[in-house]
Amino acid sequence: MPLEHGRLLKDMHSHLPQKADPDPPQLTTLRGRRPEFTDDPMLDRLYAITLALVAELSVTGARVDTLERLLDHKGLIGSSEIESFTPDESEAARRSEIEQQYLDRIFRTLTE
């Protein structure tokens, strides 16, 4: 019997913390040597980018799921409202800024 979608998601994220740290630690510098997976430094950098994306996406997915469930359970905002939302100019500008910071973190490995 196949697992329900919700249970599968719960099992996938069961290792993640249940409460978010309101002030997560911020790394200002990386310490130690970069891990080496192959003899090709560029390929190692691409692996590092992929691993960083996987980590970011996993945490983001869990947080979005939590927020959407809380909003829906409290009857504040339903999934249709979330799907149809369009940001105004200032919100879009802020999203663009956040996206650039995200890309800077992901591609930092290519510039070091």
PDB file of N, CA and C in Angstrom:
ATOM      1  N   MET A   1       0.846  -1.191   0.000  1.00  0.00           N
ATOM      2  CA  MET A   1       0.000   0.000   0.000  1.00  0.00           C
ATOM      3  C   MET A   1       0.883   1.242   0.000  1.00  0.00           C
ATOM      4  N   PRO A   2       0.752   2.151  -0.979  1.00  0.00           N
ATOM      5  CA  PRO A   2       1.615   3.335  -1.050  1.00  0.00           C
ATOM      6  C   PRO A   2       1.359   4.304   0.102  1.00  0.00           C
ATOM      7  N   LEU A   3       2.411   5.033   0.469  1.00  0.00           N
ATOM      8  CA  LEU A   3       2.288   6.047   1.517  1.00  0.00           C
ATOM      9  C   LEU A   3       1.494   7.240   1.017  1.00  0.00           C
ATOM     10  N   GLU A   4       0.753   7.857   1.893  1.00  0.00           N
ATOM     11  CA  GLU A   4       0.057   9.090   1.543  1.00  0.00           C
ATOM     12  C   GLU A   4       1.096  10.179   1.328  1.00  0.00           C
ATOM     13  N   HIS A   5       0.794  11.134   0.471  1.00  0.00           N
ATOM     14  CA  HIS A   5       1.718  12.224   0.165  1.00  0.00           C
ATOM     15  C   HIS A   5       2.159  12.949   1.433  1.00  0.00           C
ATOM     16  N   GLY A   6       1.232  13.286   2.313  1.00  0.00           N
ATOM     17  CA  GLY A   6       1.561  14.009   3.544  1.00  0.00           C
ATOM     18  C   GLY A   6       2.472  13.206   4.453  1.00  0.00           C
ATOM     19  N   ARG A   7       2.212  11.910   4.552  1.00  0.00           N
ATOM     20  CA  ARG A   7       3.057  11.071   5.410  1.00  0.00           C
ATOM     21  C   ARG A   7       4.441  10.946   4.819  1.00  0.00           C
ATOM     22  N   LEU A   8       4.537  10.847   3.492  1.00  0.00           N
ATOM     23  CA  LEU A   8       5.831  10.763   2.837  1.00  0.00           C
ATOM     24  C   LEU A   8       6.638  12.020   3.109  1.00  0.00           C
ATOM     25  N   LEU A   9       5.996  13.191   2.991  1.00  0.00           N
ATOM     26  CA  LEU A   9       6.680  14.444   3.286  1.00  0.00           C
ATOM     27  C   LEU A   9       7.121  14.498   4.738  1.00  0.00           C
ATOM     28  N   LYS A  10       6.256  14.054   5.642  1.00  0.00           N
ATOM     29  CA  LYS A  10       6.597  14.054   7.060  1.00  0.00           C
ATOM     30  C   LYS A  10       7.804  13.164   7.310  1.00  0.00           C
ATOM     31  N   ASP A  11       7.820  11.977   6.703  1.00  0.00           N
ATOM     32  CA  ASP A  11       8.947  11.066   6.875  1.00  0.00           C
ATOM     33  C   ASP A  11      10.231  11.664   6.300  1.00  0.00           C
ATOM     34  N   MET A  12      10.131  12.362   5.170  1.00  0.00           N
ATOM     35  CA  MET A  12      11.303  12.964   4.545  1.00  0.00           C
ATOM     36  C   MET A  12      11.900  14.050   5.429  1.00  0.00           C
ATOM     37  N   HIS A  13      11.066  14.762   6.158  1.00  0.00           N
ATOM     38  CA  HIS A  13      11.534  15.904   6.943  1.00  0.00           C
ATOM     39  C   HIS A  13      11.589  15.599   8.436  1.00  0.00           C
ATOM     40  N   SER A  14      11.464  14.334   8.823  1.00  0.00           N
ATOM     41  CA  SER A  14      11.439  14.002  10.242  1.00  0.00           C
ATOM     42  C   SER A  14      12.757  14.312  10.934  1.00  0.00           C
ATOM     43  N   HIS A  15      13.856  14.370  10.181  1.00  0.00           N
ATOM     44  CA  HIS A  15      15.156  14.671  10.774  1.00  0.00           C
ATOM     45  C   HIS A  15      15.382  16.164  10.963  1.00  0.00           C
ATOM     46  N   LEU A  16      14.515  16.984  10.407  1.00  0.00           N
ATOM     47  CA  LEU A  16      14.675  18.432  10.515  1.00  0.00           C
ATOM     48  C   LEU A  16      14.147  18.924  11.864  1.00  0.00           C
ATOM     49  N   PRO A  17      14.724  20.006  12.388  1.00  0.00           N
ATOM     50  CA  PRO A  17      14.216  20.552  13.648  1.00  0.00           C
ATOM     51  C   PRO A  17      12.756  20.965  13.494  1.00  0.00           C
ATOM     52  N   GLN A  18      11.990  20.785  14.549  1.00  0.00           N
ATOM     53  CA  GLN A  18      10.566  21.108  14.501  1.00  0.00           C
ATOM     54  C   GLN A  18      10.305  22.596  14.703  1.00  0.00           C
ATOM     55  N   LYS A  19      11.235  23.294  15.366  1.00  0.00           N
ATOM     56  CA  LYS A  19      11.086  24.727  15.573  1.00  0.00           C
ATOM     57  C   LYS A  19      12.264  25.443  14.931  1.00  0.00           C
ATOM     58  N   ALA A  20      11.962  26.525  14.253  1.00  0.00           N
ATOM     59  CA  ALA A  20      13.020  27.296  13.607  1.00  0.00           C
ATOM     60  C   ALA A  20      13.726  28.171  14.630  1.00  0.00           C
ATOM     61  N   ASP A  21      15.021  28.324  14.449  1.00  0.00           N
ATOM     62  CA  ASP A  21      15.807  29.215  15.290  1.00  0.00           C
ATOM     63  C   ASP A  21      15.513  30.642  14.834  1.00  0.00           C
ATOM     64  N   PRO A  22      14.974  31.509  15.701  1.00  0.00           N
ATOM     65  CA  PRO A  22      14.640  32.866  15.260  1.00  0.00           C
ATOM     66  C   PRO A  22      15.878  33.678  14.880  1.00  0.00           C
ATOM     67  N   ASP A  23      17.027  33.334  15.431  1.00  0.00           N
ATOM     68  CA  ASP A  23      18.279  34.010  15.107  1.00  0.00           C
ATOM     69  C   ASP A  23      19.335  32.982  14.727  1.00  0.00           C
ATOM     70  N   PRO A  24      19.231  32.424  13.500  1.00  0.00           N
ATOM     71  CA  PRO A  24      20.200  31.402  13.130  1.00  0.00           C
ATOM     72  C   PRO A  24      21.605  31.992  13.054  1.00  0.00           C
ATOM     73  N   PRO A  25      22.633  31.201  13.380  1.00  0.00           N
ATOM     74  CA  PRO A  25      23.992  31.726  13.318  1.00  0.00           C
ATOM     75  C   PRO A  25      24.363  32.068  11.884  1.00  0.00           C
ATOM     76  N   GLN A  26      25.078  33.152  11.718  1.00  0.00           N
ATOM     77  CA  GLN A  26      25.512  33.580  10.395  1.00  0.00           C
ATOM     78  C   GLN A  26      27.020  33.373  10.280  1.00  0.00           C
ATOM     79  N   LEU A  27      27.422  32.612   9.271  1.00  0.00           N
ATOM     80  CA  LEU A  27      28.836  32.426   9.049  1.00  0.00           C
ATOM     81  C   LEU A  27      29.369  33.625   8.275  1.00  0.00           C
ATOM     82  N   THR A  28      30.422  34.222   8.785  1.00  0.00           N
ATOM     83  CA  THR A  28      31.017  35.344   8.070  1.00  0.00           C
ATOM     84  C   THR A  28      32.193  34.885   7.227  1.00  0.00           C
ATOM     85  N   THR A  29      32.835  33.807   7.640  1.00  0.00           N
ATOM     86  CA  THR A  29      33.923  33.227   6.855  1.00  0.00           C
ATOM     87  C   THR A  29      33.829  31.715   6.932  1.00  0.00           C
ATOM     88  N   LEU A  30      34.307  31.091   5.884  1.00  0.00           N
ATOM     89  CA  LEU A  30      34.348  29.640   5.881  1.00  0.00           C
ATOM     90  C   LEU A  30      35.645  29.200   6.531  1.00  0.00           C
ATOM     91  N   ARG A  31      35.605  28.117   7.264  1.00  0.00           N
ATOM     92  CA  ARG A  31      36.788  27.628   7.954  1.00  0.00           C
ATOM     93  C   ARG A  31      37.218  26.298   7.363  1.00  0.00           C
ATOM     94  N   GLY A  32      38.499  26.075   7.327  1.00  0.00           N
ATOM     95  CA  GLY A  32      39.014  24.804   6.850  1.00  0.00           C
ATOM     96  C   GLY A  32      39.054  24.739   5.337  1.00  0.00           C
ATOM     97  N   ARG A  33      39.535  23.615   4.858  1.00  0.00           N
ATOM     98  CA  ARG A  33      39.631  23.414   3.412  1.00  0.00           C
ATOM     99  C   ARG A  33      38.299  22.931   2.860  1.00  0.00           C
ATOM    100  N   ARG A  34      38.078  23.268   1.614  1.00  0.00           N
ATOM    101  CA  ARG A  34      36.881  22.806   0.917  1.00  0.00           C
ATOM    102  C   ARG A  34      37.021  21.304   0.673  1.00  0.00           C
ATOM    103  N   PRO A  35      35.953  20.527   0.886  1.00  0.00           N
ATOM    104  CA  PRO A  35      36.043  19.079   0.639  1.00  0.00           C
ATOM    105  C   PRO A  35      36.362  18.791  -0.825  1.00  0.00           C
ATOM    106  N   GLU A  36      37.128  17.752  -1.052  1.00  0.00           N
ATOM    107  CA  GLU A  36      37.456  17.341  -2.416  1.00  0.00           C
ATOM    108  C   GLU A  36      36.767  16.020  -2.701  1.00  0.00           C
ATOM    109  N   PHE A  37      35.991  15.990  -3.790  1.00  0.00           N
ATOM    110  CA  PHE A  37      35.268  14.791  -4.179  1.00  0.00           C
ATOM    111  C   PHE A  37      35.926  14.104  -5.370  1.00  0.00           C
ATOM    112  N   THR A  38      36.579  14.897  -6.218  1.00  0.00           N
ATOM    113  CA  THR A  38      37.206  14.370  -7.436  1.00  0.00           C
ATOM    114  C   THR A  38      38.567  15.029  -7.610  1.00  0.00           C
ATOM    115  N   ASP A  39      39.254  14.664  -8.690  1.00  0.00           N
ATOM    116  CA  ASP A  39      40.546  15.288  -9.010  1.00  0.00           C
ATOM    117  C   ASP A  39      40.365  16.595  -9.779  1.00  0.00           C
ATOM    118  N   ASP A  40      39.129  16.924 -10.140  1.00  0.00           N
ATOM    119  CA  ASP A  40      38.846  18.133 -10.920  1.00  0.00           C
ATOM    120  C   ASP A  40      38.268  19.209  -9.991  1.00  0.00           C
ATOM    121  N   PRO A  41      39.023  20.304  -9.743  1.00  0.00           N
ATOM    122  CA  PRO A  41      38.534  21.348  -8.832  1.00  0.00           C
ATOM    123  C   PRO A  41      37.207  21.976  -9.277  1.00  0.00           C
ATOM    124  N   MET A  42      37.011  22.141 -10.575  1.00  0.00           N
ATOM    125  CA  MET A  42      35.756  22.746 -11.052  1.00  0.00           C
ATOM    126  C   MET A  42      34.579  21.809 -10.783  1.00  0.00           C
ATOM    127  N   LEU A  43      34.776  20.530 -10.981  1.00  0.00           N
ATOM    128  CA  LEU A  43      33.717  19.571 -10.697  1.00  0.00           C
ATOM    129  C   LEU A  43      33.414  19.550  -9.201  1.00  0.00           C
ATOM    130  N   ASP A  44      34.447  19.653  -8.377  1.00  0.00           N
ATOM    131  CA  ASP A  44      34.233  19.738  -6.927  1.00  0.00           C
ATOM    132  C   ASP A  44      33.419  20.969  -6.570  1.00  0.00           C
ATOM    133  N   ARG A  45      33.663  22.075  -7.225  1.00  0.00           N
ATOM    134  CA  ARG A  45      32.891  23.296  -6.968  1.00  0.00           C
ATOM    135  C   ARG A  45      31.433  23.117  -7.371  1.00  0.00           C
ATOM    136  N   LEU A  46      31.214  22.447  -8.495  1.00  0.00           N
ATOM    137  CA  LEU A  46      29.834  22.185  -8.925  1.00  0.00           C
ATOM    138  C   LEU A  46      29.117  21.274  -7.929  1.00  0.00           C
ATOM    139  N   TYR A  47      29.828  20.278  -7.397  1.00  0.00           N
ATOM    140  CA  TYR A  47      29.243  19.435  -6.351  1.00  0.00           C
ATOM    141  C   TYR A  47      28.898  20.279  -5.128  1.00  0.00           C
ATOM    142  N   ALA A  48      29.800  21.173  -4.751  1.00  0.00           N
ATOM    143  CA  ALA A  48      29.554  22.026  -3.582  1.00  0.00           C
ATOM    144  C   ALA A  48      28.314  22.896  -3.803  1.00  0.00           C
ATOM    145  N   ILE A  49      28.168  23.441  -5.012  1.00  0.00           N
ATOM    146  CA  ILE A  49      26.980  24.245  -5.330  1.00  0.00           C
ATOM    147  C   ILE A  49      25.721  23.385  -5.220  1.00  0.00           C
ATOM    148  N   THR A  50      25.778  22.178  -5.775  1.00  0.00           N
ATOM    149  CA  THR A  50      24.627  21.286  -5.731  1.00  0.00           C
ATOM    150  C   THR A  50      24.244  20.958  -4.292  1.00  0.00           C
ATOM    151  N   LEU A  51      25.229  20.658  -3.458  1.00  0.00           N
ATOM    152  CA  LEU A  51      24.947  20.350  -2.058  1.00  0.00           C
ATOM    153  C   LEU A  51      24.363  21.560  -1.333  1.00  0.00           C
ATOM    154  N   ALA A  52      24.874  22.754  -1.632  1.00  0.00           N
ATOM    155  CA  ALA A  52      24.333  23.967  -1.018  1.00  0.00           C
ATOM    156  C   ALA A  52      22.879  24.187  -1.437  1.00  0.00           C
ATOM    157  N   LEU A  53      22.589  23.944  -2.713  1.00  0.00           N
ATOM    158  CA  LEU A  53      21.208  24.093  -3.196  1.00  0.00           C
ATOM    159  C   LEU A  53      20.277  23.084  -2.537  1.00  0.00           C
ATOM    160  N   VAL A  54      20.736  21.854  -2.393  1.00  0.00           N
ATOM    161  CA  VAL A  54      19.924  20.821  -1.747  1.00  0.00           C
ATOM    162  C   VAL A  54      19.606  21.231  -0.309  1.00  0.00           C
ATOM    163  N   ALA A  55      20.615  21.716   0.414  1.00  0.00           N
ATOM    164  CA  ALA A  55      20.400  22.130   1.803  1.00  0.00           C
ATOM    165  C   ALA A  55      19.425  23.304   1.882  1.00  0.00           C
ATOM    166  N   GLU A  56      19.635  24.311   1.043  1.00  0.00           N
ATOM    167  CA  GLU A  56      18.752  25.483   1.039  1.00  0.00           C
ATOM    168  C   GLU A  56      17.317  25.081   0.698  1.00  0.00           C
ATOM    169  N   LEU A  57      17.164  24.250  -0.315  1.00  0.00           N
ATOM    170  CA  LEU A  57      15.829  23.860  -0.759  1.00  0.00           C
ATOM    171  C   LEU A  57      15.109  23.017   0.289  1.00  0.00           C
ATOM    172  N   SER A  58      15.833  22.151   0.954  1.00  0.00           N
ATOM    173  CA  SER A  58      15.226  21.317   1.992  1.00  0.00           C
ATOM    174  C   SER A  58      14.673  22.160   3.131  1.00  0.00           C
ATOM    175  N   VAL A  59      15.473  23.088   3.622  1.00  0.00           N
ATOM    176  CA  VAL A  59      15.047  23.950   4.726  1.00  0.00           C
ATOM    177  C   VAL A  59      13.901  24.856   4.282  1.00  0.00           C
ATOM    178  N   THR A  60      14.024  25.436   3.101  1.00  0.00           N
ATOM    179  CA  THR A  60      12.985  26.326   2.583  1.00  0.00           C
ATOM    180  C   THR A  60      11.670  25.584   2.395  1.00  0.00           C
ATOM    181  N   GLY A  61      11.730  24.390   1.831  1.00  0.00           N
ATOM    182  CA  GLY A  61      10.521  23.603   1.623  1.00  0.00           C
ATOM    183  C   GLY A  61       9.803  23.293   2.930  1.00  0.00           C
ATOM    184  N   ALA A  62      10.579  22.928   3.942  1.00  0.00           N
ATOM    185  CA  ALA A  62       9.983  22.621   5.246  1.00  0.00           C
ATOM    186  C   ALA A  62       9.333  23.854   5.857  1.00  0.00           C
ATOM    187  N   ARG A  63       9.996  24.998   5.752  1.00  0.00           N
ATOM    188  CA  ARG A  63       9.448  26.228   6.322  1.00  0.00           C
ATOM    189  C   ARG A  63       8.189  26.685   5.582  1.00  0.00           C
ATOM    190  N   VAL A  64       8.196  26.614   4.264  1.00  0.00           N
ATOM    191  CA  VAL A  64       7.017  27.002   3.479  1.00  0.00           C
ATOM    192  C   VAL A  64       5.844  26.083   3.818  1.00  0.00           C
ATOM    193  N   ASP A  65       6.115  24.791   3.896  1.00  0.00           N
ATOM    194  CA  ASP A  65       5.066  23.844   4.243  1.00  0.00           C
ATOM    195  C   ASP A  65       4.479  24.175   5.615  1.00  0.00           C
ATOM    196  N   THR A  66       5.326  24.460   6.580  1.00  0.00           N
ATOM    197  CA  THR A  66       4.867  24.815   7.929  1.00  0.00           C
ATOM    198  C   THR A  66       3.992  26.064   7.892  1.00  0.00           C
ATOM    199  N   LEU A  67       4.462  27.100   7.216  1.00  0.00           N
ATOM    200  CA  LEU A  67       3.705  28.349   7.145  1.00  0.00           C
ATOM    201  C   LEU A  67       2.351  28.151   6.472  1.00  0.00           C
ATOM    202  N   GLU A  68       2.333  27.443   5.350  1.00  0.00           N
ATOM    203  CA  GLU A  68       1.074  27.225   4.642  1.00  0.00           C
ATOM    204  C   GLU A  68       0.092  26.419   5.495  1.00  0.00           C
ATOM    205  N   ARG A  69       0.579  25.413   6.191  1.00  0.00           N
ATOM    206  CA  ARG A  69      -0.300  24.600   7.040  1.00  0.00           C
ATOM    207  C   ARG A  69      -0.856  25.425   8.200  1.00  0.00           C
ATOM    208  N   LEU A  70      -0.002  26.231   8.834  1.00  0.00           N
ATOM    209  CA  LEU A  70      -0.471  27.068   9.946  1.00  0.00           C
ATOM    210  C   LEU A  70      -1.514  28.075   9.470  1.00  0.00           C
ATOM    211  N   LEU A  71      -1.252  28.724   8.352  1.00  0.00           N
ATOM    212  CA  LEU A  71      -2.204  29.699   7.825  1.00  0.00           C
ATOM    213  C   LEU A  71      -3.534  29.040   7.475  1.00  0.00           C
ATOM    214  N   ASP A  72      -3.463  27.852   6.866  1.00  0.00           N
ATOM    215  CA  ASP A  72      -4.682  27.146   6.482  1.00  0.00           C
ATOM    216  C   ASP A  72      -5.435  26.641   7.714  1.00  0.00           C
ATOM    217  N   HIS A  73      -4.723  26.033   8.675  1.00  0.00           N
ATOM    218  CA  HIS A  73      -5.379  25.505   9.880  1.00  0.00           C
ATOM    219  C   HIS A  73      -6.054  26.600  10.690  1.00  0.00           C
ATOM    220  N   LYS A  74      -5.468  27.786  10.700  1.00  0.00           N
ATOM    221  CA  LYS A  74      -6.057  28.897  11.458  1.00  0.00           C
ATOM    222  C   LYS A  74      -7.116  29.633  10.644  1.00  0.00           C
ATOM    223  N   GLY A  75      -7.304  29.221   9.404  1.00  0.00           N
ATOM    224  CA  GLY A  75      -8.320  29.834   8.565  1.00  0.00           C
ATOM    225  C   GLY A  75      -7.959  31.246   8.119  1.00  0.00           C
ATOM    226  N   LEU A  76      -6.675  31.573   8.126  1.00  0.00           N
ATOM    227  CA  LEU A  76      -6.247  32.926   7.756  1.00  0.00           C
ATOM    228  C   LEU A  76      -6.102  33.082   6.246  1.00  0.00           C
ATOM    229  N   ILE A  77      -5.446  32.126   5.621  1.00  0.00           N
ATOM    230  CA  ILE A  77      -5.220  32.185   4.172  1.00  0.00           C
ATOM    231  C   ILE A  77      -5.258  30.762   3.635  1.00  0.00           C
ATOM    232  N   GLY A  78      -6.014  30.548   2.567  1.00  0.00           N
ATOM    233  CA  GLY A  78      -6.092  29.230   1.943  1.00  0.00           C
ATOM    234  C   GLY A  78      -5.076  29.090   0.825  1.00  0.00           C
ATOM    235  N   SER A  79      -4.894  27.883   0.355  1.00  0.00           N
ATOM    236  CA  SER A  79      -3.901  27.620  -0.690  1.00  0.00           C
ATOM    237  C   SER A  79      -4.218  28.364  -1.993  1.00  0.00           C
ATOM    238  N   SER A  80      -5.501  28.580  -2.296  1.00  0.00           N
ATOM    239  CA  SER A  80      -5.848  29.294  -3.541  1.00  0.00           C
ATOM    240  C   SER A  80      -5.383  30.749  -3.483  1.00  0.00           C
ATOM    241  N   GLU A  81      -5.455  31.358  -2.307  1.00  0.00           N
ATOM    242  CA  GLU A  81      -4.970  32.733  -2.161  1.00  0.00           C
ATOM    243  C   GLU A  81      -3.454  32.797  -2.331  1.00  0.00           C
ATOM    244  N   ILE A  82      -2.766  31.804  -1.803  1.00  0.00           N
ATOM    245  CA  ILE A  82      -1.305  31.752  -1.945  1.00  0.00           C
ATOM    246  C   ILE A  82      -0.931  31.604  -3.413  1.00  0.00           C
ATOM    247  N   GLU A  83      -1.623  30.719  -4.110  1.00  0.00           N
ATOM    248  CA  GLU A  83      -1.324  30.469  -5.523  1.00  0.00           C
ATOM    249  C   GLU A  83      -1.608  31.687  -6.407  1.00  0.00           C
ATOM    250  N   SER A  84      -2.581  32.501  -6.049  1.00  0.00           N
ATOM    251  CA  SER A  84      -2.963  33.625  -6.899  1.00  0.00           C
ATOM    252  C   SER A  84      -2.301  34.954  -6.499  1.00  0.00           C
ATOM    253  N   PHE A  85      -1.460  34.953  -5.465  1.00  0.00           N
ATOM    254  CA  PHE A  85      -0.832  36.179  -4.978  1.00  0.00           C
ATOM    255  C   PHE A  85       0.146  36.753  -5.999  1.00  0.00           C
ATOM    256  N   THR A  86       0.085  38.079  -6.183  1.00  0.00           N
ATOM    257  CA  THR A  86       1.025  38.802  -7.030  1.00  0.00           C
ATOM    258  C   THR A  86       1.626  39.930  -6.192  1.00  0.00           C
ATOM    259  N   PRO A  87       2.957  39.947  -6.033  1.00  0.00           N
ATOM    260  CA  PRO A  87       3.575  40.989  -5.204  1.00  0.00           C
ATOM    261  C   PRO A  87       3.493  42.368  -5.857  1.00  0.00           C
ATOM    262  N   ASP A  88       3.406  43.417  -5.008  1.00  0.00           N
ATOM    263  CA  ASP A  88       3.446  44.778  -5.560  1.00  0.00           C
ATOM    264  C   ASP A  88       4.906  45.136  -5.857  1.00  0.00           C
ATOM    265  N   GLU A  89       5.153  46.370  -6.316  1.00  0.00           N
ATOM    266  CA  GLU A  89       6.506  46.763  -6.741  1.00  0.00           C
ATOM    267  C   GLU A  89       7.539  46.651  -5.626  1.00  0.00           C
ATOM    268  N   SER A  90       7.210  47.137  -4.439  1.00  0.00           N
ATOM    269  CA  SER A  90       8.183  47.093  -3.345  1.00  0.00           C
ATOM    270  C   SER A  90       8.442  45.657  -2.893  1.00  0.00           C
ATOM    271  N   GLU A  91       7.387  44.838  -2.876  1.00  0.00           N
ATOM    272  CA  GLU A  91       7.559  43.429  -2.516  1.00  0.00           C
ATOM    273  C   GLU A  91       8.401  42.700  -3.561  1.00  0.00           C
ATOM    274  N   ALA A  92       8.155  42.999  -4.822  1.00  0.00           N
ATOM    275  CA  ALA A  92       8.932  42.377  -5.897  1.00  0.00           C
ATOM    276  C   ALA A  92      10.396  42.800  -5.819  1.00  0.00           C
ATOM    277  N   ALA A  93      10.644  44.064  -5.478  1.00  0.00           N
ATOM    278  CA  ALA A  93      12.024  44.540  -5.338  1.00  0.00           C
ATOM    279  C   ALA A  93      12.724  43.832  -4.184  1.00  0.00           C
ATOM    280  N   ARG A  94      12.017  43.657  -3.080  1.00  0.00           N
ATOM    281  CA  ARG A  94      12.601  42.949  -1.929  1.00  0.00           C
ATOM    282  C   ARG A  94      12.881  41.491  -2.277  1.00  0.00           C
ATOM    283  N   ARG A  95      11.963  40.855  -2.988  1.00  0.00           N
ATOM    284  CA  ARG A  95      12.188  39.472  -3.426  1.00  0.00           C
ATOM    285  C   ARG A  95      13.424  39.383  -4.321  1.00  0.00           C
ATOM    286  N   SER A  96      13.576  40.351  -5.183  1.00  0.00           N
ATOM    287  CA  SER A  96      14.737  40.376  -6.076  1.00  0.00           C
ATOM    288  C   SER A  96      16.036  40.500  -5.275  1.00  0.00           C
ATOM    289  N   GLU A  97      16.014  41.332  -4.251  1.00  0.00           N
ATOM    290  CA  GLU A  97      17.178  41.503  -3.374  1.00  0.00           C
ATOM    291  C   GLU A  97      17.505  40.193  -2.648  1.00  0.00           C
ATOM    292  N   ILE A  98      16.489  39.544  -2.123  1.00  0.00           N
ATOM    293  CA  ILE A  98      16.683  38.266  -1.427  1.00  0.00           C
ATOM    294  C   ILE A  98      17.220  37.212  -2.396  1.00  0.00           C
ATOM    295  N   GLU A  99      16.675  37.204  -3.604  1.00  0.00           N
ATOM    296  CA  GLU A  99      17.136  36.252  -4.613  1.00  0.00           C
ATOM    297  C   GLU A  99      18.609  36.470  -4.943  1.00  0.00           C
ATOM    298  N   GLN A 100      19.031  37.734  -5.056  1.00  0.00           N
ATOM    299  CA  GLN A 100      20.430  38.021  -5.359  1.00  0.00           C
ATOM    300  C   GLN A 100      21.344  37.558  -4.221  1.00  0.00           C
ATOM    301  N   GLN A 101      20.921  37.781  -2.981  1.00  0.00           N
ATOM    302  CA  GLN A 101      21.705  37.305  -1.835  1.00  0.00           C
ATOM    303  C   GLN A 101      21.817  35.783  -1.857  1.00  0.00           C
ATOM    304  N   TYR A 102      20.742  35.133  -2.197  1.00  0.00           N
ATOM    305  CA  TYR A 102      20.724  33.674  -2.300  1.00  0.00           C
ATOM    306  C   TYR A 102      21.708  33.194  -3.367  1.00  0.00           C
ATOM    307  N   LEU A 103      21.632  33.808  -4.549  1.00  0.00           N
ATOM    308  CA  LEU A 103      22.542  33.426  -5.634  1.00  0.00           C
ATOM    309  C   LEU A 103      23.998  33.695  -5.257  1.00  0.00           C
ATOM    310  N   ASP A 104      24.241  34.791  -4.558  1.00  0.00           N
ATOM    311  CA  ASP A 104      25.607  35.089  -4.107  1.00  0.00           C
ATOM    312  C   ASP A 104      26.123  33.977  -3.190  1.00  0.00           C
ATOM    313  N   ARG A 105      25.268  33.495  -2.287  1.00  0.00           N
ATOM    314  CA  ARG A 105      25.677  32.409  -1.388  1.00  0.00           C
ATOM    315  C   ARG A 105      25.957  31.134  -2.166  1.00  0.00           C
ATOM    316  N   ILE A 106      25.089  30.813  -3.115  1.00  0.00           N
ATOM    317  CA  ILE A 106      25.231  29.572  -3.875  1.00  0.00           C
ATOM    318  C   ILE A 106      26.482  29.595  -4.747  1.00  0.00           C
ATOM    319  N   PHE A 107      26.717  30.699  -5.434  1.00  0.00           N
ATOM    320  CA  PHE A 107      27.830  30.758  -6.384  1.00  0.00           C
ATOM    321  C   PHE A 107      29.126  31.281  -5.766  1.00  0.00           C
ATOM    322  N   ARG A 108      29.112  31.516  -4.462  1.00  0.00           N
ATOM    323  CA  ARG A 108      30.325  31.968  -3.777  1.00  0.00           C
ATOM    324  C   ARG A 108      31.478  31.013  -4.016  1.00  0.00           C
ATOM    325  N   THR A 109      31.171  29.747  -4.110  1.00  0.00           N
ATOM    326  CA  THR A 109      32.221  28.733  -4.295  1.00  0.00           C
ATOM    327  C   THR A 109      32.994  28.915  -5.599  1.00  0.00           C
ATOM    328  N   LEU A 110      32.391  29.527  -6.612  1.00  0.00           N
ATOM    329  CA  LEU A 110      33.091  29.753  -7.873  1.00  0.00           C
ATOM    330  C   LEU A 110      34.014  30.968  -7.836  1.00  0.00           C
ATOM    331  N   THR A 111      33.820  31.834  -6.872  1.00  0.00           N
ATOM    332  CA  THR A 111      34.619  33.061  -6.826  1.00  0.00           C
ATOM    333  C   THR A 111      35.701  33.025  -5.754  1.00  0.00           C
ATOM    334  N   GLU A 112      35.775  31.956  -5.003  1.00  0.00           N
ATOM    335  CA  GLU A 112      36.791  31.862  -3.937  1.00  0.00           C
ATOM    336  C   GLU A 112      38.037  31.189  -4.432  1.00  0.00           C
TER     337      GLU A 112
END
